Amino acid sequence: MSGILTAATGVFVIPLVPYLQSLKLAKDELIQALGLSFMLATVALSIRLGSVGSAGFKIDVTAQLIALLSSCLGLWFGTSIRSQLRPLQFQRALYGVFIFLGVAMVYRSLQQ
């Protein structure tokens, strides 16, 4: 069902996170499962988009380097605070980040 929702919407976070959370994994196992799943989904999406061969597609190396640096800083920050949070606090913080990202995406789409 998660795969069907992901394919239909193009968003792999919403069907995946509740499913992984329903497995009642320990905090570190959940983080590892989320990281691996997001990485695999992103790689699969990149391969698919690259295989389409869109005519006006240009690679922006500067934007890619900024995204890579941002993700590395985010990983470092997340790792440093993850060990200090209880599981319930971590879960609330994780969902808070997802809500923030969703609101930011909706706001940006309304601005265009």
PDB file of N, CA and C in Angstrom:
ATOM      1  N   MET A   1       0.817  -1.184   0.000  1.00  0.00           N
ATOM      2  CA  MET A   1       0.000   0.000   0.000  1.00  0.00           C
ATOM      3  C   MET A   1       0.868   1.259   0.000  1.00  0.00           C
ATOM      4  N   SER A   2       1.980   1.205   0.747  1.00  0.00           N
ATOM      5  CA  SER A   2       2.899   2.337   0.794  1.00  0.00           C
ATOM      6  C   SER A   2       3.457   2.652  -0.587  1.00  0.00           C
ATOM      7  N   GLY A   3       3.818   1.632  -1.332  1.00  0.00           N
ATOM      8  CA  GLY A   3       4.336   1.825  -2.685  1.00  0.00           C
ATOM      9  C   GLY A   3       3.306   2.435  -3.619  1.00  0.00           C
ATOM     10  N   ILE A   4       2.064   2.026  -3.483  1.00  0.00           N
ATOM     11  CA  ILE A   4       0.996   2.574  -4.326  1.00  0.00           C
ATOM     12  C   ILE A   4       0.786   4.057  -4.010  1.00  0.00           C
ATOM     13  N   LEU A   5       0.747   4.401  -2.711  1.00  0.00           N
ATOM     14  CA  LEU A   5       0.586   5.805  -2.329  1.00  0.00           C
ATOM     15  C   LEU A   5       1.773   6.652  -2.790  1.00  0.00           C
ATOM     16  N   THR A   6       2.963   6.111  -2.669  1.00  0.00           N
ATOM     17  CA  THR A   6       4.150   6.841  -3.105  1.00  0.00           C
ATOM     18  C   THR A   6       4.123   7.071  -4.606  1.00  0.00           C
ATOM     19  N   ALA A   7       3.789   6.052  -5.365  1.00  0.00           N
ATOM     20  CA  ALA A   7       3.739   6.185  -6.822  1.00  0.00           C
ATOM     21  C   ALA A   7       2.639   7.154  -7.252  1.00  0.00           C
ATOM     22  N   ALA A   8       1.528   7.148  -6.550  1.00  0.00           N
ATOM     23  CA  ALA A   8       0.414   8.016  -6.931  1.00  0.00           C
ATOM     24  C   ALA A   8       0.672   9.477  -6.586  1.00  0.00           C
ATOM     25  N   THR A   9       1.375   9.728  -5.482  1.00  0.00           N
ATOM     26  CA  THR A   9       1.564  11.103  -5.030  1.00  0.00           C
ATOM     27  C   THR A   9       2.953  11.650  -5.289  1.00  0.00           C
ATOM     28  N   GLY A  10       3.938  10.786  -5.427  1.00  0.00           N
ATOM     29  CA  GLY A  10       5.314  11.245  -5.573  1.00  0.00           C
ATOM     30  C   GLY A  10       5.934  11.653  -4.249  1.00  0.00           C
ATOM     31  N   VAL A  11       5.243  11.418  -3.149  1.00  0.00           N
ATOM     32  CA  VAL A  11       5.739  11.756  -1.817  1.00  0.00           C
ATOM     33  C   VAL A  11       5.934  10.448  -1.053  1.00  0.00           C
ATOM     34  N   PHE A  12       7.159  10.180  -0.652  1.00  0.00           N
ATOM     35  CA  PHE A  12       7.418   8.905   0.016  1.00  0.00           C
ATOM     36  C   PHE A  12       7.471   9.021   1.532  1.00  0.00           C
ATOM     37  N   VAL A  13       7.384  10.232   2.087  1.00  0.00           N
ATOM     38  CA  VAL A  13       7.482  10.400   3.532  1.00  0.00           C
ATOM     39  C   VAL A  13       6.203   9.952   4.234  1.00  0.00           C
ATOM     40  N   ILE A  14       5.066  10.431   3.762  1.00  0.00           N
ATOM     41  CA  ILE A  14       3.810  10.193   4.476  1.00  0.00           C
ATOM     42  C   ILE A  14       3.456   8.708   4.576  1.00  0.00           C
ATOM     43  N   PRO A  15       3.476   7.932   3.499  1.00  0.00           N
ATOM     44  CA  PRO A  15       3.136   6.526   3.704  1.00  0.00           C
ATOM     45  C   PRO A  15       4.220   5.745   4.444  1.00  0.00           C
ATOM     46  N   LEU A  16       5.458   6.180   4.327  1.00  0.00           N
ATOM     47  CA  LEU A  16       6.564   5.411   4.895  1.00  0.00           C
ATOM     48  C   LEU A  16       6.713   5.587   6.402  1.00  0.00           C
ATOM     49  N   VAL A  17       6.676   6.810   6.874  1.00  0.00           N
ATOM     50  CA  VAL A  17       6.928   7.071   8.290  1.00  0.00           C
ATOM     51  C   VAL A  17       5.905   6.389   9.197  1.00  0.00           C
ATOM     52  N   PRO A  18       4.601   6.531   8.939  1.00  0.00           N
ATOM     53  CA  PRO A  18       3.655   5.813   9.815  1.00  0.00           C
ATOM     54  C   PRO A  18       3.831   4.290   9.764  1.00  0.00           C
ATOM     55  N   TYR A  19       4.171   3.767   8.580  1.00  0.00           N
ATOM     56  CA  TYR A  19       4.389   2.323   8.492  1.00  0.00           C
ATOM     57  C   TYR A  19       5.576   1.896   9.346  1.00  0.00           C
ATOM     58  N   LEU A  20       6.697   2.584   9.198  1.00  0.00           N
ATOM     59  CA  LEU A  20       7.876   2.220   9.987  1.00  0.00           C
ATOM     60  C   LEU A  20       7.619   2.406  11.475  1.00  0.00           C
ATOM     61  N   GLN A  21       6.859   3.428  11.824  1.00  0.00           N
ATOM     62  CA  GLN A  21       6.559   3.648  13.228  1.00  0.00           C
ATOM     63  C   GLN A  21       5.645   2.556  13.784  1.00  0.00           C
ATOM     64  N   SER A  22       4.782   2.011  12.951  1.00  0.00           N
ATOM     65  CA  SER A  22       3.884   0.947  13.412  1.00  0.00           C
ATOM     66  C   SER A  22       4.638  -0.337  13.727  1.00  0.00           C
ATOM     67  N   LEU A  23       5.864  -0.448  13.230  1.00  0.00           N
ATOM     68  CA  LEU A  23       6.669  -1.634  13.524  1.00  0.00           C
ATOM     69  C   LEU A  23       7.249  -1.616  14.931  1.00  0.00           C
ATOM     70  N   LYS A  24       7.089  -0.491  15.632  1.00  0.00           N
ATOM     71  CA  LYS A  24       7.567  -0.342  17.024  1.00  0.00           C
ATOM     72  C   LYS A  24       9.073  -0.576  17.134  1.00  0.00           C
ATOM     73  N   LEU A  25       9.822   0.011  16.221  1.00  0.00           N
ATOM     74  CA  LEU A  25      11.269  -0.102  16.259  1.00  0.00           C
ATOM     75  C   LEU A  25      11.839   0.774  17.367  1.00  0.00           C
ATOM     76  N   ALA A  26      13.010   0.402  17.854  1.00  0.00           N
ATOM     77  CA  ALA A  26      13.714   1.255  18.806  1.00  0.00           C
ATOM     78  C   ALA A  26      14.121   2.545  18.089  1.00  0.00           C
ATOM     79  N   LYS A  27      14.431   3.577  18.857  1.00  0.00           N
ATOM     80  CA  LYS A  27      14.715   4.893  18.281  1.00  0.00           C
ATOM     81  C   LYS A  27      15.837   4.831  17.243  1.00  0.00           C
ATOM     82  N   ASP A  28      16.941   4.203  17.575  1.00  0.00           N
ATOM     83  CA  ASP A  28      18.065   4.135  16.636  1.00  0.00           C
ATOM     84  C   ASP A  28      17.734   3.288  15.411  1.00  0.00           C
ATOM     85  N   GLU A  29      16.972   2.216  15.623  1.00  0.00           N
ATOM     86  CA  GLU A  29      16.557   1.385  14.479  1.00  0.00           C
ATOM     87  C   GLU A  29      15.614   2.160  13.563  1.00  0.00           C
ATOM     88  N   LEU A  30      14.702   2.943  14.145  1.00  0.00           N
ATOM     89  CA  LEU A  30      13.782   3.750  13.356  1.00  0.00           C
ATOM     90  C   LEU A  30      14.550   4.767  12.523  1.00  0.00           C
ATOM     91  N   ILE A  31      15.524   5.432  13.137  1.00  0.00           N
ATOM     92  CA  ILE A  31      16.321   6.423  12.422  1.00  0.00           C
ATOM     93  C   ILE A  31      17.072   5.772  11.273  1.00  0.00           C
ATOM     94  N   GLN A  32      17.657   4.626  11.520  1.00  0.00           N
ATOM     95  CA  GLN A  32      18.392   3.938  10.460  1.00  0.00           C
ATOM     96  C   GLN A  32      17.447   3.497   9.341  1.00  0.00           C
ATOM     97  N   ALA A  33      16.281   2.983   9.696  1.00  0.00           N
ATOM     98  CA  ALA A  33      15.315   2.563   8.681  1.00  0.00           C
ATOM     99  C   ALA A  33      14.818   3.756   7.872  1.00  0.00           C
ATOM    100  N   LEU A  34      14.557   4.875   8.532  1.00  0.00           N
ATOM    101  CA  LEU A  34      14.126   6.083   7.818  1.00  0.00           C
ATOM    102  C   LEU A  34      15.219   6.584   6.881  1.00  0.00           C
ATOM    103  N   GLY A  35      16.439   6.626   7.380  1.00  0.00           N
ATOM    104  CA  GLY A  35      17.549   7.097   6.562  1.00  0.00           C
ATOM    105  C   GLY A  35      17.756   6.237   5.328  1.00  0.00           C
ATOM    106  N   LEU A  36      17.757   4.929   5.511  1.00  0.00           N
ATOM    107  CA  LEU A  36      17.933   4.021   4.372  1.00  0.00           C
ATOM    108  C   LEU A  36      16.771   4.131   3.388  1.00  0.00           C
ATOM    109  N   SER A  37      15.572   4.212   3.918  1.00  0.00           N
ATOM    110  CA  SER A  37      14.403   4.304   3.044  1.00  0.00           C
ATOM    111  C   SER A  37      14.391   5.603   2.249  1.00  0.00           C
ATOM    112  N   PHE A  38      14.694   6.718   2.918  1.00  0.00           N
ATOM    113  CA  PHE A  38      14.731   8.005   2.216  1.00  0.00           C
ATOM    114  C   PHE A  38      15.834   8.023   1.170  1.00  0.00           C
ATOM    115  N   MET A  39      16.988   7.447   1.516  1.00  0.00           N
ATOM    116  CA  MET A  39      18.084   7.420   0.560  1.00  0.00           C
ATOM    117  C   MET A  39      17.719   6.591  -0.670  1.00  0.00           C
ATOM    118  N   LEU A  40      17.160   5.415  -0.444  1.00  0.00           N
ATOM    119  CA  LEU A  40      16.782   4.562  -1.571  1.00  0.00           C
ATOM    120  C   LEU A  40      15.689   5.201  -2.427  1.00  0.00           C
ATOM    121  N   ALA A  41      14.720   5.824  -1.782  1.00  0.00           N
ATOM    122  CA  ALA A  41      13.645   6.478  -2.529  1.00  0.00           C
ATOM    123  C   ALA A  41      14.184   7.651  -3.341  1.00  0.00           C
ATOM    124  N   THR A  42      15.103   8.404  -2.766  1.00  0.00           N
ATOM    125  CA  THR A  42      15.690   9.539  -3.476  1.00  0.00           C
ATOM    126  C   THR A  42      16.533   9.080  -4.651  1.00  0.00           C
ATOM    127  N   VAL A  43      17.316   8.026  -4.452  1.00  0.00           N
ATOM    128  CA  VAL A  43      18.132   7.487  -5.548  1.00  0.00           C
ATOM    129  C   VAL A  43      17.233   6.958  -6.664  1.00  0.00           C
ATOM    130  N   ALA A  44      16.178   6.236  -6.300  1.00  0.00           N
ATOM    131  CA  ALA A  44      15.248   5.718  -7.315  1.00  0.00           C
ATOM    132  C   ALA A  44      14.575   6.850  -8.080  1.00  0.00           C
ATOM    133  N   LEU A  45      14.183   7.900  -7.371  1.00  0.00           N
ATOM    134  CA  LEU A  45      13.570   9.052  -8.024  1.00  0.00           C
ATOM    135  C   LEU A  45      14.569   9.741  -8.949  1.00  0.00           C
ATOM    136  N   SER A  46      15.814   9.870  -8.520  1.00  0.00           N
ATOM    137  CA  SER A  46      16.845  10.483  -9.360  1.00  0.00           C
ATOM    138  C   SER A  46      17.081   9.686 -10.626  1.00  0.00           C
ATOM    139  N   ILE A  47      17.145   8.377 -10.487  1.00  0.00           N
ATOM    140  CA  ILE A  47      17.346   7.522 -11.665  1.00  0.00           C
ATOM    141  C   ILE A  47      16.170   7.659 -12.614  1.00  0.00           C
ATOM    142  N   ARG A  48      14.973   7.671 -12.068  1.00  0.00           N
ATOM    143  CA  ARG A  48      13.781   7.788 -12.911  1.00  0.00           C
ATOM    144  C   ARG A  48      13.732   9.133 -13.627  1.00  0.00           C
ATOM    145  N   LEU A  49      13.996  10.197 -12.896  1.00  0.00           N
ATOM    146  CA  LEU A  49      13.977  11.517 -13.520  1.00  0.00           C
ATOM    147  C   LEU A  49      15.102  11.663 -14.547  1.00  0.00           C
ATOM    148  N   GLY A  50      16.233  11.070 -14.265  1.00  0.00           N
ATOM    149  CA  GLY A  50      17.341  11.122 -15.218  1.00  0.00           C
ATOM    150  C   GLY A  50      17.065  10.328 -16.472  1.00  0.00           C
ATOM    151  N   SER A  51      16.270   9.269 -16.349  1.00  0.00           N
ATOM    152  CA  SER A  51      15.986   8.433 -17.517  1.00  0.00           C
ATOM    153  C   SER A  51      14.929   9.051 -18.429  1.00  0.00           C
ATOM    154  N   VAL A  52      14.178  10.009 -17.913  1.00  0.00           N
ATOM    155  CA  VAL A  52      13.143  10.651 -18.712  1.00  0.00           C
ATOM    156  C   VAL A  52      13.770  11.497 -19.812  1.00  0.00           C
ATOM    157  N   GLY A  53      14.907  12.124 -19.501  1.00  0.00           N
ATOM    158  CA  GLY A  53      15.616  12.913 -20.502  1.00  0.00           C
ATOM    159  C   GLY A  53      14.875  14.159 -20.905  1.00  0.00           C
ATOM    160  N   SER A  54      14.423  14.936 -19.929  1.00  0.00           N
ATOM    161  CA  SER A  54      13.686  16.153 -20.252  1.00  0.00           C
ATOM    162  C   SER A  54      14.579  17.131 -21.003  1.00  0.00           C
ATOM    163  N   ALA A  55      14.004  17.832 -21.963  1.00  0.00           N
ATOM    164  CA  ALA A  55      14.763  18.664 -22.889  1.00  0.00           C
ATOM    165  C   ALA A  55      15.467  19.825 -22.203  1.00  0.00           C
ATOM    166  N   GLY A  56      14.804  20.517 -21.298  1.00  0.00           N
ATOM    167  CA  GLY A  56      15.390  21.702 -20.698  1.00  0.00           C
ATOM    168  C   GLY A  56      16.090  21.460 -19.380  1.00  0.00           C
ATOM    169  N   PHE A  57      16.414  20.242 -19.061  1.00  0.00           N
ATOM    170  CA  PHE A  57      17.004  19.910 -17.768  1.00  0.00           C
ATOM    171  C   PHE A  57      18.479  20.291 -17.746  1.00  0.00           C
ATOM    172  N   LYS A  58      18.860  21.136 -16.785  1.00  0.00           N
ATOM    173  CA  LYS A  58      20.251  21.545 -16.617  1.00  0.00           C
ATOM    174  C   LYS A  58      20.685  21.222 -15.197  1.00  0.00           C
ATOM    175  N   ILE A  59      21.887  20.753 -15.069  1.00  0.00           N
ATOM    176  CA  ILE A  59      22.413  20.419 -13.755  1.00  0.00           C
ATOM    177  C   ILE A  59      23.029  21.667 -13.137  1.00  0.00           C
ATOM    178  N   ASP A  60      22.580  22.011 -11.938  1.00  0.00           N
ATOM    179  CA  ASP A  60      23.094  23.170 -11.212  1.00  0.00           C
ATOM    180  C   ASP A  60      24.014  22.654 -10.106  1.00  0.00           C
ATOM    181  N   VAL A  61      25.307  22.666 -10.374  1.00  0.00           N
ATOM    182  CA  VAL A  61      26.288  22.100  -9.449  1.00  0.00           C
ATOM    183  C   VAL A  61      26.318  22.892  -8.144  1.00  0.00           C
ATOM    184  N   THR A  62      26.195  24.198  -8.223  1.00  0.00           N
ATOM    185  CA  THR A  62      26.201  25.022  -7.006  1.00  0.00           C
ATOM    186  C   THR A  62      25.042  24.651  -6.093  1.00  0.00           C
ATOM    187  N   ALA A  63      23.852  24.503  -6.663  1.00  0.00           N
ATOM    188  CA  ALA A  63      22.687  24.122  -5.858  1.00  0.00           C
ATOM    189  C   ALA A  63      22.873  22.724  -5.267  1.00  0.00           C
ATOM    190  N   GLN A  64      23.475  21.828  -6.026  1.00  0.00           N
ATOM    191  CA  GLN A  64      23.710  20.481  -5.516  1.00  0.00           C
ATOM    192  C   GLN A  64      24.704  20.492  -4.358  1.00  0.00           C
ATOM    193  N   LEU A  65      25.746  21.301  -4.458  1.00  0.00           N
ATOM    194  CA  LEU A  65      26.720  21.394  -3.369  1.00  0.00           C
ATOM    195  C   LEU A  65      26.104  22.019  -2.124  1.00  0.00           C
ATOM    196  N   ILE A  66      25.267  23.024  -2.311  1.00  0.00           N
ATOM    197  CA  ILE A  66      24.579  23.635  -1.166  1.00  0.00           C
ATOM    198  C   ILE A  66      23.651  22.613  -0.514  1.00  0.00           C
ATOM    199  N   ALA A  67      22.932  21.843  -1.319  1.00  0.00           N
ATOM    200  CA  ALA A  67      22.037  20.816  -0.775  1.00  0.00           C
ATOM    201  C   ALA A  67      22.832  19.742  -0.031  1.00  0.00           C
ATOM    202  N   LEU A  68      23.973  19.349  -0.583  1.00  0.00           N
ATOM    203  CA  LEU A  68      24.810  18.337   0.071  1.00  0.00           C
ATOM    204  C   LEU A  68      25.345  18.856   1.397  1.00  0.00           C
ATOM    205  N   LEU A  69      25.834  20.091   1.413  1.00  0.00           N
ATOM    206  CA  LEU A  69      26.341  20.682   2.646  1.00  0.00           C
ATOM    207  C   LEU A  69      25.226  20.814   3.684  1.00  0.00           C
ATOM    208  N   SER A  70      24.051  21.242   3.249  1.00  0.00           N
ATOM    209  CA  SER A  70      22.911  21.382   4.162  1.00  0.00           C
ATOM    210  C   SER A  70      22.512  20.037   4.753  1.00  0.00           C
ATOM    211  N   SER A  71      22.496  19.005   3.931  1.00  0.00           N
ATOM    212  CA  SER A  71      22.103  17.693   4.443  1.00  0.00           C
ATOM    213  C   SER A  71      23.140  17.145   5.418  1.00  0.00           C
ATOM    214  N   CYS A  72      24.417  17.391   5.154  1.00  0.00           N
ATOM    215  CA  CYS A  72      25.460  16.943   6.089  1.00  0.00           C
ATOM    216  C   CYS A  72      25.347  17.675   7.425  1.00  0.00           C
ATOM    217  N   LEU A  73      25.099  18.991   7.379  1.00  0.00           N
ATOM    218  CA  LEU A  73      24.902  19.751   8.619  1.00  0.00           C
ATOM    219  C   LEU A  73      23.658  19.270   9.362  1.00  0.00           C
ATOM    220  N   GLY A  74      22.604  18.978   8.617  1.00  0.00           N
ATOM    221  CA  GLY A  74      21.386  18.466   9.243  1.00  0.00           C
ATOM    222  C   GLY A  74      21.602  17.110   9.895  1.00  0.00           C
ATOM    223  N   LEU A  75      22.352  16.248   9.236  1.00  0.00           N
ATOM    224  CA  LEU A  75      22.670  14.939   9.822  1.00  0.00           C
ATOM    225  C   LEU A  75      23.478  15.096  11.104  1.00  0.00           C
ATOM    226  N   TRP A  76      24.463  15.978  11.072  1.00  0.00           N
ATOM    227  CA  TRP A  76      25.282  16.199  12.255  1.00  0.00           C
ATOM    228  C   TRP A  76      24.430  16.738  13.402  1.00  0.00           C
ATOM    229  N   PHE A  77      23.596  17.741  13.105  1.00  0.00           N
ATOM    230  CA  PHE A  77      22.752  18.338  14.132  1.00  0.00           C
ATOM    231  C   PHE A  77      21.761  17.318  14.686  1.00  0.00           C
ATOM    232  N   GLY A  78      21.128  16.572  13.795  1.00  0.00           N
ATOM    233  CA  GLY A  78      20.159  15.565  14.225  1.00  0.00           C
ATOM    234  C   GLY A  78      20.778  14.489  15.095  1.00  0.00           C
ATOM    235  N   THR A  79      21.971  14.057  14.726  1.00  0.00           N
ATOM    236  CA  THR A  79      22.665  13.039  15.513  1.00  0.00           C
ATOM    237  C   THR A  79      23.019  13.563  16.895  1.00  0.00           C
ATOM    238  N   SER A  80      23.429  14.822  16.957  1.00  0.00           N
ATOM    239  CA  SER A  80      23.833  15.371  18.258  1.00  0.00           C
ATOM    240  C   SER A  80      22.649  15.550  19.207  1.00  0.00           C
ATOM    241  N   ILE A  81      21.474  15.903  18.691  1.00  0.00           N
ATOM    242  CA  ILE A  81      20.337  16.081  19.610  1.00  0.00           C
ATOM    243  C   ILE A  81      19.534  14.799  19.814  1.00  0.00           C
ATOM    244  N   ARG A  82      19.660  13.850  18.897  1.00  0.00           N
ATOM    245  CA  ARG A  82      18.876  12.622  19.007  1.00  0.00           C
ATOM    246  C   ARG A  82      19.194  11.866  20.287  1.00  0.00           C
ATOM    247  N   SER A  83      20.457  11.845  20.677  1.00  0.00           N
ATOM    248  CA  SER A  83      20.839  11.095  21.875  1.00  0.00           C
ATOM    249  C   SER A  83      20.334  11.758  23.149  1.00  0.00           C
ATOM    250  N   GLN A  84      19.962  13.026  23.084  1.00  0.00           N
ATOM    251  CA  GLN A  84      19.506  13.752  24.262  1.00  0.00           C
ATOM    252  C   GLN A  84      17.993  13.725  24.436  1.00  0.00           C
ATOM    253  N   LEU A  85      17.252  13.265  23.428  1.00  0.00           N
ATOM    254  CA  LEU A  85      15.792  13.280  23.485  1.00  0.00           C
ATOM    255  C   LEU A  85      15.237  11.917  23.870  1.00  0.00           C
ATOM    256  N   ARG A  86      14.157  11.941  24.619  1.00  0.00           N
ATOM    257  CA  ARG A  86      13.424  10.702  24.881  1.00  0.00           C
ATOM    258  C   ARG A  86      12.661  10.340  23.616  1.00  0.00           C
ATOM    259  N   PRO A  87      12.266   9.074  23.456  1.00  0.00           N
ATOM    260  CA  PRO A  87      11.578   8.663  22.223  1.00  0.00           C
ATOM    261  C   PRO A  87      10.329   9.486  21.896  1.00  0.00           C
ATOM    262  N   LEU A  88       9.515   9.809  22.887  1.00  0.00           N
ATOM    263  CA  LEU A  88       8.307  10.584  22.614  1.00  0.00           C
ATOM    264  C   LEU A  88       8.659  12.003  22.160  1.00  0.00           C
ATOM    265  N   GLN A  89       9.658  12.603  22.783  1.00  0.00           N
ATOM    266  CA  GLN A  89      10.103  13.935  22.366  1.00  0.00           C
ATOM    267  C   GLN A  89      10.640  13.889  20.935  1.00  0.00           C
ATOM    268  N   PHE A  90      11.401  12.840  20.648  1.00  0.00           N
ATOM    269  CA  PHE A  90      11.954  12.701  19.303  1.00  0.00           C
ATOM    270  C   PHE A  90      10.838  12.563  18.277  1.00  0.00           C
ATOM    271  N   GLN A  91       9.842  11.752  18.580  1.00  0.00           N
ATOM    272  CA  GLN A  91       8.717  11.554  17.670  1.00  0.00           C
ATOM    273  C   GLN A  91       7.989  12.871  17.416  1.00  0.00           C
ATOM    274  N   ARG A  92       7.754  13.633  18.454  1.00  0.00           N
ATOM    275  CA  ARG A  92       7.082  14.922  18.297  1.00  0.00           C
ATOM    276  C   ARG A  92       7.932  15.899  17.482  1.00  0.00           C
ATOM    277  N   ALA A  93       9.234  15.895  17.724  1.00  0.00           N
ATOM    278  CA  ALA A  93      10.120  16.781  16.959  1.00  0.00           C
ATOM    279  C   ALA A  93      10.135  16.379  15.487  1.00  0.00           C
ATOM    280  N   LEU A  94      10.163  15.085  15.212  1.00  0.00           N
ATOM    281  CA  LEU A  94      10.170  14.589  13.836  1.00  0.00           C
ATOM    282  C   LEU A  94       8.897  15.007  13.106  1.00  0.00           C
ATOM    283  N   TYR A  95       7.755  14.805  13.738  1.00  0.00           N
ATOM    284  CA  TYR A  95       6.498  15.210  13.112  1.00  0.00           C
ATOM    285  C   TYR A  95       6.397  16.733  12.994  1.00  0.00           C
ATOM    286  N   GLY A  96       6.963  17.451  13.954  1.00  0.00           N
ATOM    287  CA  GLY A  96       6.989  18.900  13.863  1.00  0.00           C
ATOM    288  C   GLY A  96       7.766  19.386  12.648  1.00  0.00           C
ATOM    289  N   VAL A  97       8.887  18.737  12.383  1.00  0.00           N
ATOM    290  CA  VAL A  97       9.677  19.085  11.196  1.00  0.00           C
ATOM    291  C   VAL A  97       8.877  18.781   9.929  1.00  0.00           C
ATOM    292  N   PHE A  98       8.202  17.650   9.889  1.00  0.00           N
ATOM    293  CA  PHE A  98       7.395  17.310   8.708  1.00  0.00           C
ATOM    294  C   PHE A  98       6.261  18.315   8.503  1.00  0.00           C
ATOM    295  N   ILE A  99       5.623  18.727   9.587  1.00  0.00           N
ATOM    296  CA  ILE A  99       4.553  19.722   9.478  1.00  0.00           C
ATOM    297  C   ILE A  99       5.117  21.044   8.971  1.00  0.00           C
ATOM    298  N   PHE A 100       6.258  21.459   9.522  1.00  0.00           N
ATOM    299  CA  PHE A 100       6.892  22.696   9.072  1.00  0.00           C
ATOM    300  C   PHE A 100       7.219  22.643   7.585  1.00  0.00           C
ATOM    301  N   LEU A 101       7.798  21.545   7.132  1.00  0.00           N
ATOM    302  CA  LEU A 101       8.130  21.408   5.714  1.00  0.00           C
ATOM    303  C   LEU A 101       6.872  21.433   4.844  1.00  0.00           C
ATOM    304  N   GLY A 102       5.809  20.783   5.297  1.00  0.00           N
ATOM    305  CA  GLY A 102       4.556  20.792   4.545  1.00  0.00           C
ATOM    306  C   GLY A 102       3.964  22.187   4.433  1.00  0.00           C
ATOM    307  N   VAL A 103       3.963  22.919   5.548  1.00  0.00           N
ATOM    308  CA  VAL A 103       3.441  24.288   5.533  1.00  0.00           C
ATOM    309  C   VAL A 103       4.295  25.167   4.630  1.00  0.00           C
ATOM    310  N   ALA A 104       5.609  25.006   4.689  1.00  0.00           N
ATOM    311  CA  ALA A 104       6.496  25.802   3.837  1.00  0.00           C
ATOM    312  C   ALA A 104       6.244  25.511   2.360  1.00  0.00           C
ATOM    313  N   MET A 105       6.010  24.252   2.024  1.00  0.00           N
ATOM    314  CA  MET A 105       5.734  23.900   0.630  1.00  0.00           C
ATOM    315  C   MET A 105       4.406  24.488   0.165  1.00  0.00           C
ATOM    316  N   VAL A 106       3.384  24.434   1.007  1.00  0.00           N
ATOM    317  CA  VAL A 106       2.092  25.004   0.651  1.00  0.00           C
ATOM    318  C   VAL A 106       2.225  26.520   0.488  1.00  0.00           C
ATOM    319  N   TYR A 107       2.939  27.167   1.400  1.00  0.00           N
ATOM    320  CA  TYR A 107       3.131  28.616   1.315  1.00  0.00           C
ATOM    321  C   TYR A 107       3.837  29.000   0.020  1.00  0.00           C
ATOM    322  N   ARG A 108       4.886  28.264  -0.319  1.00  0.00           N
ATOM    323  CA  ARG A 108       5.623  28.565  -1.555  1.00  0.00           C
ATOM    324  C   ARG A 108       4.746  28.359  -2.783  1.00  0.00           C
ATOM    325  N   SER A 109       3.909  27.342  -2.768  1.00  0.00           N
ATOM    326  CA  SER A 109       3.066  27.094  -3.927  1.00  0.00           C
ATOM    327  C   SER A 109       1.984  28.172  -4.070  1.00  0.00           C
ATOM    328  N   LEU A 110       1.542  28.745  -2.955  1.00  0.00           N
ATOM    329  CA  LEU A 110       0.542  29.802  -3.014  1.00  0.00           C
ATOM    330  C   LEU A 110       1.152  31.133  -3.448  1.00  0.00           C
ATOM    331  N   GLN A 111       2.441  31.301  -3.293  1.00  0.00           N
ATOM    332  CA  GLN A 111       3.116  32.533  -3.677  1.00  0.00           C
ATOM    333  C   GLN A 111       3.335  32.634  -5.179  1.00  0.00           C
ATOM    334  N   GLN A 112       3.246  31.539  -5.875  1.00  0.00           N
ATOM    335  CA  GLN A 112       3.519  31.550  -7.318  1.00  0.00           C
ATOM    336  C   GLN A 112       2.310  31.892  -8.128  1.00  0.00           C
TER     337      GLN A 112
END
